[in-house]
Amino acid sequence: MITDQEILKAVLPDEKEKEIEDVPLPTITHNEAIDSYEKVILYLEQQDSDFNAKNEDLKFVKKLKKEALKQYFISARQGNLDSFVNIIE
């Protein structure tokens, strides 16, 4: 017969798992993502025909790069001061 402690140990996460979950993911900037997409695109374009990357895969990575560029330009857009200040009359 299994004891209660053994059941709890099997079901509950141990302390090492809790420590791993608490580590925040590093922040990746738009520029870093765009550079990485460019490297992946270059890599896929340089591969031989026997490489299993399909043309559709290359188009998908290019689409992701385009979305990252779009987000970069949106984040770099200059805001209007009125959007930050409430005007009281």
Protein backbone atom coordinates (compact mmCIF):
# COMPACT_ATOMS: atom_id res chain seq x y z
CA MET A 1 0.00 0.00 0.00
CA ILE A 2 1.29 3.48 -0.90
CA THR A 3 1.51 6.00 1.90
CA ASP A 4 -0.10 9.44 1.80
CA GLN A 5 3.33 11.09 1.62
CA GLU A 6 4.25 9.08 -1.48
CA ILE A 7 0.98 10.02 -3.17
CA LEU A 8 1.51 13.71 -2.39
CA LYS A 9 5.10 13.52 -3.61
CA ALA A 10 3.94 12.00 -6.92
CA VAL A 11 1.14 14.52 -7.45
CA LEU A 12 2.58 17.80 -6.16
CA PRO A 13 5.50 19.51 -7.93
CA ASP A 14 8.76 19.41 -6.06
CA GLU A 15 10.79 22.48 -5.10
CA LYS A 16 13.07 22.29 -8.18
CA GLU A 17 10.09 22.52 -10.53
CA LYS A 18 8.77 25.56 -8.67
CA GLU A 19 12.13 27.32 -9.03
CA ILE A 20 12.21 26.67 -12.77
CA GLU A 21 8.70 28.06 -13.26
CA ASP A 22 9.56 31.30 -11.44
CA VAL A 23 12.37 32.25 -13.84
CA PRO A 24 11.05 34.97 -16.18
CA LEU A 25 11.66 34.65 -19.89
CA PRO A 26 14.16 37.12 -21.33
CA THR A 27 12.69 40.06 -23.24
CA ILE A 28 13.39 40.00 -26.95
CA THR A 29 13.21 43.28 -28.83
CA HIS A 30 11.59 43.72 -32.22
CA ASN A 31 15.03 44.27 -33.78
CA GLU A 32 16.36 40.99 -32.36
CA ALA A 33 13.33 39.12 -33.68
CA ILE A 34 13.64 40.71 -37.12
CA ASP A 35 17.36 39.85 -37.28
CA SER A 36 16.59 36.26 -36.32
CA TYR A 37 13.89 35.97 -39.00
CA GLU A 38 16.37 37.30 -41.59
CA LYS A 39 18.89 34.64 -40.57
CA VAL A 40 16.29 31.86 -40.80
CA ILE A 41 15.15 33.09 -44.22
CA LEU A 42 18.74 33.20 -45.46
CA TYR A 43 19.37 29.72 -44.08
CA LEU A 44 16.28 28.28 -45.77
CA GLU A 45 17.14 29.92 -49.09
CA GLN A 46 20.69 28.49 -49.02
CA GLN A 47 19.62 24.87 -48.54
CA ASP A 48 19.76 22.26 -51.27
CA SER A 49 16.64 20.91 -52.92
CA ASP A 50 16.81 17.74 -50.81
CA PHE A 51 16.23 19.81 -47.67
CA ASN A 52 12.69 19.26 -46.43
CA ALA A 53 11.81 22.95 -46.06
CA LYS A 54 8.92 23.73 -48.34
CA ASN A 55 8.37 26.99 -50.17
CA GLU A 56 5.28 27.45 -47.96
CA ASP A 57 7.49 27.35 -44.87
CA LEU A 58 9.70 30.09 -46.28
CA LYS A 59 6.64 32.21 -47.05
CA PHE A 60 5.39 31.69 -43.48
CA VAL A 61 8.69 32.85 -41.96
CA LYS A 62 8.66 35.89 -44.25
CA LYS A 63 5.11 36.62 -43.08
CA LEU A 64 6.26 36.43 -39.44
CA LYS A 65 9.12 38.83 -40.23
CA LYS A 66 6.67 41.23 -41.86
CA GLU A 67 4.48 41.13 -38.74
CA ALA A 68 7.51 41.84 -36.52
CA LEU A 69 8.40 44.82 -38.74
CA LYS A 70 4.83 46.07 -38.46
CA GLN A 71 4.95 45.82 -34.67
CA TYR A 72 8.31 47.60 -34.66
CA PHE A 73 6.92 50.54 -36.61
CA ILE A 74 3.80 50.70 -34.44
CA SER A 75 5.89 50.78 -31.27
CA ALA A 76 8.16 53.48 -32.71
CA ARG A 77 5.28 55.75 -33.65
CA GLN A 78 5.30 59.08 -31.87
CA GLY A 79 2.38 59.48 -29.53
CA ASN A 80 0.21 62.51 -29.07
CA LEU A 81 0.59 64.41 -25.81
CA ASP A 82 -3.21 64.62 -25.48
CA SER A 83 -3.37 60.84 -25.12
CA PHE A 84 -1.30 61.08 -21.93
CA VAL A 85 -2.84 64.14 -20.34
CA ASN A 86 -6.49 64.51 -19.34
CA ILE A 87 -7.67 68.00 -20.13
CA ILE A 88 -9.79 69.43 -17.30
CA GLU A 89 -12.12 72.26 -18.22
